[in-house]
Structures are given as structure tokens and as C-alpha cells.
Amino acid sequence: MTDETPKKDELRKNTPGRGITPEAHRIEPSAPEEFGLVQVWWGDGKGKTTAAMGMGFRAAGHGFRVHMLQFMKGGADSVDAVRGEYNAIAAMPGYSYENTGHYGWHGLRDGSDDDDHRAKAQGGLERARELVDAASDADLESPLALDGPPEDGAHMLILDEVLYAVDQGLLDEEELLELVESKPENLELVLAGSHTKPEYLYDHADLVTRVKKEKHPIDAGQRARRGTEY
């Protein structure tokens, strides 16, 4: 043992894992001690939904109840009817999802109707309000049943592509702000989407991450690939 060893051991004790290699454990219902922040993920780079879902898996791995509501994630001819993330979520205890709307974009000639886009986005917002209200009624400082419906509450709520819905004028900024302001103290709320900086959220968010594109295969004509984009 060198003179440096005791010093390194002391430093390890100050790390979250105390220098111990982590091991996988059986997932049991648990409750987070420090949830309650508002996260915003935006930018023109690939990875916003992936990051949000990945956080959901991490939280569910600790036994916390997670639910993801996706806006504008219905069907498209470039994406299979069966997507890898849905299969993975279905196999994960404590993690559930639902989607609303079309995969295509409002205002583009993708065969979908703009009025239908708007109606589905508004329906998604109403559903988000229901989920936030359910979380308000739940005891988020206690474990929640991993197989329980999201109407019984969730520790983390992910609203994927909701920022795109605001960008496209399908939802008003004020509507989303009202939703954010109505969330219970211990609910971790994750908002993702948008190539445009959502400045209206900055005073209401605790974490804002910009996912910036440096190079993307879509610019060379590459379509969405199974296992990476869906």
C-alpha cells in the first residue's frame, strides 16, 4: 500500500457510490427523496426523446413510478407500427406510456389534417392535466404500485414533443405554463421537443438542456432506422 492509497480511499468515501461497484437489484416499489424539478429538453439535435426516456428507465430502475405521454407520435410511413421503445417500456416495471396525435407535422404535406392535429394536441393537453391532477392527489413521498394505472399517480411525468406542439401553434404557451405551475411539489416533470428555444419556460424550469446538431444522417437522405430512431 502506497502513501496515496489512504488518500484515494478517503476520496472514494465522498462519492455517491462510496467507491463500490454497483450491482443490479430486484426492482421494488420505492419513492424518490428529491424529485420535484421541471426539466426542459430542446434543440435541433437527435436525442431529446431518447434522453427523456432514458431518464424514465433510470427512475423506474429505482422503483419509482414513471409515465410518458407523447404528443404527435402516432403513425407515419417512415416508422414501423411496432417501436422498440414501447416494447422496452412494456417490459419495465413501473414504466408506462401513451401517445396522441400523428407522427407527421402540422403544416406539412404529409397527408394529415391540420385541424385533426390541433384537436389531438388539445386532447393530449387535457390528458396531461388529468395526469398532473392525479399526481396532486397521490402521496408522492410514498411508493406507488408499479403495475398501477397512471391515474393513481406518478413520480415522474414525461411530456414528449409537447414543446413541438407549442411551436406549431397547436397549444398556447400560456396553456403549458399553467400546466407547469399546477404540478405538485414532488412531481418530476420532463418536457421535450422543439427546435426553437422555449424562452417562455426558462423562468419556470430548473434544468434546460439544448441538444445541438453537429452532423445528422437525415441531411444526407437517411430515413429513420429501426433501433436508433424507433
Protein backbone atom coordinates (compact mmCIF):
# COMPACT_ATOMS: atom_id res chain seq x y z
CA MET A 1 0.00 0.00 0.00
CA THR A 2 1.41 3.35 -1.02
CA ASP A 3 1.08 6.65 0.80
CA GLU A 4 -1.51 7.66 -1.80
CA THR A 5 -3.86 4.72 -1.07
CA PRO A 6 -5.43 6.08 2.17
CA LYS A 7 -5.97 9.41 0.44
CA LYS A 8 -7.74 7.72 -2.52
CA ASP A 9 -9.85 5.61 -0.15
CA GLU A 10 -10.94 8.75 1.68
CA LEU A 11 -11.91 10.42 -1.60
CA ARG A 12 -13.97 7.40 -2.63
CA LYS A 13 -15.98 7.66 0.58
CA ASN A 14 -17.14 11.09 -0.56
CA THR A 15 -18.56 9.83 -3.86
CA PRO A 16 -22.26 8.86 -4.15
CA GLY A 17 -21.36 5.18 -4.56
CA ARG A 18 -18.51 5.33 -1.99
CA GLY A 19 -16.25 3.58 -4.47
CA ILE A 20 -18.38 0.41 -4.50
CA THR A 21 -19.11 -1.17 -7.88
CA PRO A 22 -22.91 -1.07 -8.35
CA GLU A 23 -24.88 -4.26 -8.82
CA ALA A 24 -28.34 -4.85 -10.23
CA HIS A 25 -31.10 -5.47 -7.68
CA ARG A 26 -34.68 -6.61 -7.93
CA ILE A 27 -36.96 -3.63 -8.60
CA GLU A 28 -39.27 -2.94 -5.69
CA PRO A 29 -41.71 -0.03 -5.25
CA SER A 30 -39.92 2.97 -3.80
CA ALA A 31 -40.30 6.73 -3.53
CA PRO A 32 -37.79 9.41 -4.60
CA GLU A 33 -36.38 11.71 -1.95
CA GLU A 34 -35.53 14.67 -4.19
CA PHE A 35 -37.98 14.74 -7.11
CA GLY A 36 -39.95 17.85 -7.98
CA LEU A 37 -37.96 19.70 -10.65
CA VAL A 38 -39.06 20.84 -14.10
CA GLN A 39 -36.77 19.74 -16.93
CA VAL A 40 -36.75 21.10 -20.49
CA TRP A 41 -35.01 19.34 -23.40
CA TRP A 42 -34.89 21.19 -26.72
CA GLY A 43 -32.68 21.65 -29.78
CA ASP A 44 -32.16 20.55 -33.37
CA GLY A 45 -30.05 17.51 -32.47
CA LYS A 46 -31.02 13.87 -32.16
CA GLY A 47 -31.56 12.59 -28.64
CA LYS A 48 -34.22 14.63 -26.84
CA THR A 49 -36.79 11.84 -26.64
CA THR A 50 -34.03 9.30 -26.10
CA ALA A 51 -32.68 11.26 -23.13
CA ALA A 52 -36.13 11.73 -21.61
CA MET A 53 -36.99 8.05 -21.96
CA GLY A 54 -33.58 7.06 -20.64
CA MET A 55 -34.20 9.10 -17.51
CA GLY A 56 -37.51 7.34 -17.20
CA PHE A 57 -35.76 3.97 -17.26
CA ARG A 58 -33.29 5.13 -14.63
CA ALA A 59 -36.11 6.31 -12.35
CA ALA A 60 -38.11 3.13 -12.90
CA GLY A 61 -35.00 1.12 -12.09
CA HIS A 62 -35.11 2.64 -8.60
CA GLY A 63 -38.72 1.55 -8.20
CA PHE A 64 -40.26 4.96 -8.90
CA ARG A 65 -43.48 5.20 -10.92
CA VAL A 66 -42.94 6.79 -14.35
CA HIS A 67 -45.41 7.67 -17.09
CA MET A 68 -44.72 9.11 -20.55
CA LEU A 69 -47.33 10.92 -22.63
CA GLN A 70 -46.24 11.58 -26.21
CA PHE A 71 -47.64 14.33 -28.39
CA MET A 72 -47.53 13.96 -32.21
CA LYS A 73 -46.28 10.39 -32.02
CA GLY A 74 -48.92 8.43 -33.86
CA GLY A 75 -48.09 6.77 -37.18
CA ALA A 76 -46.00 7.61 -40.25
CA ASP A 77 -44.91 5.67 -43.32
CA SER A 78 -41.26 6.05 -42.26
CA VAL A 79 -41.80 4.37 -38.89
CA ASP A 80 -42.90 0.80 -38.15
CA ALA A 81 -46.15 0.14 -36.31
CA VAL A 82 -44.10 -1.58 -33.58
CA ARG A 83 -41.40 0.56 -31.97
CA GLY A 84 -38.56 -0.60 -29.81
CA GLU A 85 -39.11 1.91 -27.03
CA TYR A 86 -42.70 0.77 -26.49
CA ASN A 87 -41.64 -2.86 -26.25
CA ALA A 88 -38.92 -1.96 -23.75
CA ILE A 89 -41.24 0.20 -21.64
CA ALA A 90 -43.86 -2.56 -21.58
CA ALA A 91 -41.23 -4.92 -20.16
CA MET A 92 -40.11 -2.46 -17.47
CA PRO A 93 -41.85 -2.50 -14.08
CA GLY A 94 -43.25 0.87 -13.08
CA TYR A 95 -42.97 2.47 -16.54
CA SER A 96 -45.98 3.15 -18.78
CA TYR A 97 -46.71 5.23 -21.85
CA GLU A 98 -49.43 6.51 -24.15
CA ASN A 99 -49.39 8.59 -27.31
CA THR A 100 -51.69 11.02 -29.03
CA GLY A 101 -51.73 12.58 -32.47
CA HIS A 102 -49.95 11.96 -35.74
CA TYR A 103 -46.26 11.38 -36.26
CA GLY A 104 -46.42 13.83 -39.17
CA TRP A 105 -46.07 17.55 -38.66
CA HIS A 106 -48.76 20.18 -38.61
CA GLY A 107 -48.48 22.50 -41.60
CA LEU A 108 -46.62 19.99 -43.79
CA ARG A 109 -47.98 17.97 -46.69
CA ASP A 110 -47.78 14.59 -45.01
CA GLY A 111 -51.37 13.53 -45.67
CA SER A 112 -52.64 14.51 -42.23
CA ASP A 113 -55.24 17.15 -41.48
CA ASP A 114 -54.16 20.31 -39.64
CA ASP A 115 -57.43 20.60 -37.71
CA ASP A 116 -57.05 17.00 -36.59
CA HIS A 117 -53.51 17.76 -35.39
CA ARG A 118 -54.86 20.63 -33.31
CA ALA A 119 -57.69 18.58 -31.83
CA LYS A 120 -55.35 15.75 -30.88
CA ALA A 121 -52.84 18.15 -29.32
CA GLN A 122 -55.60 19.72 -27.24
CA GLY A 123 -56.73 16.24 -26.25
CA GLY A 124 -53.17 15.47 -25.21
CA LEU A 125 -53.06 18.60 -23.08
CA GLU A 126 -56.31 17.63 -21.37
CA ARG A 127 -54.83 14.21 -20.67
CA ALA A 128 -51.69 15.84 -19.26
CA ARG A 129 -53.85 17.91 -16.93
CA GLU A 130 -55.58 14.74 -15.75
CA LEU A 131 -52.22 13.11 -15.02
CA VAL A 132 -50.92 16.17 -13.15
CA ASP A 133 -54.14 16.30 -11.11
CA ALA A 134 -53.78 12.59 -10.35
CA ALA A 135 -50.23 13.19 -9.13
CA SER A 136 -51.53 16.03 -6.95
CA ASP A 137 -53.99 13.64 -5.32
CA ALA A 138 -51.38 10.93 -4.76
CA ASP A 139 -48.84 10.65 -1.96
CA LEU A 140 -45.66 11.09 -3.97
CA GLU A 141 -43.50 10.75 -0.88
CA SER A 142 -44.55 7.11 -0.67
CA PRO A 143 -44.03 4.16 -3.03
CA LEU A 144 -46.65 3.71 -5.74
CA ALA A 145 -47.76 0.37 -7.16
CA LEU A 146 -45.54 -0.46 -10.12
CA ASP A 147 -48.44 -2.02 -12.01
CA GLY A 148 -50.94 0.67 -11.05
CA PRO A 149 -52.52 2.97 -13.64
CA PRO A 150 -51.11 6.49 -14.07
CA GLU A 151 -54.43 7.77 -12.71
CA ASP A 152 -53.12 6.59 -9.33
CA GLY A 153 -50.20 8.98 -9.66
CA ALA A 154 -46.63 9.00 -10.93
CA HIS A 155 -43.34 10.26 -9.52
CA MET A 156 -42.08 11.31 -12.97
CA LEU A 157 -44.23 12.53 -15.85
CA ILE A 158 -42.62 12.89 -19.28
CA LEU A 159 -44.44 15.02 -21.87
CA ASP A 160 -42.58 14.15 -25.05
CA GLU A 161 -42.87 16.50 -28.06
CA VAL A 162 -45.15 18.86 -26.14
CA LEU A 163 -42.77 21.71 -26.98
CA TYR A 164 -43.19 20.97 -30.70
CA ALA A 165 -46.94 21.22 -30.26
CA VAL A 166 -46.46 24.72 -28.85
CA ASP A 167 -44.06 25.63 -31.67
CA GLN A 168 -46.63 24.61 -34.25
CA GLY A 169 -49.35 26.68 -32.61
CA LEU A 170 -51.35 23.62 -31.65
CA LEU A 171 -51.05 24.63 -27.99
CA ASP A 172 -50.58 28.07 -26.45
CA GLU A 173 -47.52 28.91 -24.37
CA GLU A 174 -49.83 30.05 -21.58
CA GLU A 175 -51.59 26.69 -21.55
CA LEU A 176 -48.34 24.84 -20.99
CA LEU A 177 -47.20 27.34 -18.37
CA GLU A 178 -50.45 26.86 -16.47
CA LEU A 179 -49.84 23.11 -16.51
CA VAL A 180 -46.29 23.54 -15.21
CA GLU A 181 -47.43 25.87 -12.45
CA SER A 182 -50.16 23.45 -11.37
CA LYS A 183 -47.87 20.47 -10.81
CA PRO A 184 -47.48 19.15 -7.27
CA GLU A 185 -44.26 19.86 -5.42
CA ASN A 186 -42.83 16.33 -5.63
CA LEU A 187 -43.64 15.55 -9.26
CA GLU A 188 -40.64 15.50 -11.61
CA LEU A 189 -41.93 16.99 -14.86
CA VAL A 190 -39.95 16.48 -18.08
CA LEU A 191 -40.83 18.50 -21.21
CA ALA A 192 -39.19 17.57 -24.51
CA GLY A 193 -39.20 18.63 -28.15
CA SER A 194 -38.79 21.85 -30.17
CA HIS A 195 -36.00 23.15 -32.40
CA THR A 196 -36.84 26.63 -31.15
CA LYS A 197 -35.59 27.97 -27.82
CA PRO A 198 -38.59 27.87 -25.42
CA GLU A 199 -37.74 31.12 -23.65
CA TYR A 200 -41.20 31.30 -22.10
CA LEU A 201 -40.26 28.32 -19.91
CA TYR A 202 -36.88 29.50 -18.64
CA ASP A 203 -38.20 31.18 -15.50
CA HIS A 204 -40.24 28.06 -14.70
CA ALA A 205 -37.63 25.35 -15.38
CA ASP A 206 -34.90 24.04 -13.11
CA LEU A 207 -32.94 22.29 -15.85
CA VAL A 208 -32.75 23.32 -19.51
CA THR A 209 -30.69 21.27 -21.95
CA ARG A 210 -30.09 22.15 -25.60
CA VAL A 211 -29.39 19.15 -27.83
CA LYS A 212 -27.41 20.68 -30.70
CA LYS A 213 -26.86 19.06 -34.08
CA GLU A 214 -23.32 18.97 -35.44
CA LYS A 215 -23.99 16.41 -38.17
CA HIS A 216 -27.04 14.25 -38.89
CA PRO A 217 -27.53 11.48 -41.48
CA ILE A 218 -31.02 12.80 -42.26
CA ASP A 219 -29.31 15.68 -44.10
CA ALA A 220 -27.85 13.10 -46.49
CA GLY A 221 -31.25 11.48 -47.06
CA GLN A 222 -31.08 8.75 -44.41
CA ARG A 223 -34.54 7.80 -43.20
CA ALA A 224 -35.39 6.76 -39.64
CA ARG A 225 -33.71 3.47 -38.72
CA ARG A 226 -35.08 0.64 -36.60
CA GLY A 227 -33.24 0.50 -33.29
CA THR A 228 -31.96 4.09 -33.35
CA GLU A 229 -34.91 6.35 -34.21
CA TYR A 230 -37.73 3.91 -33.43
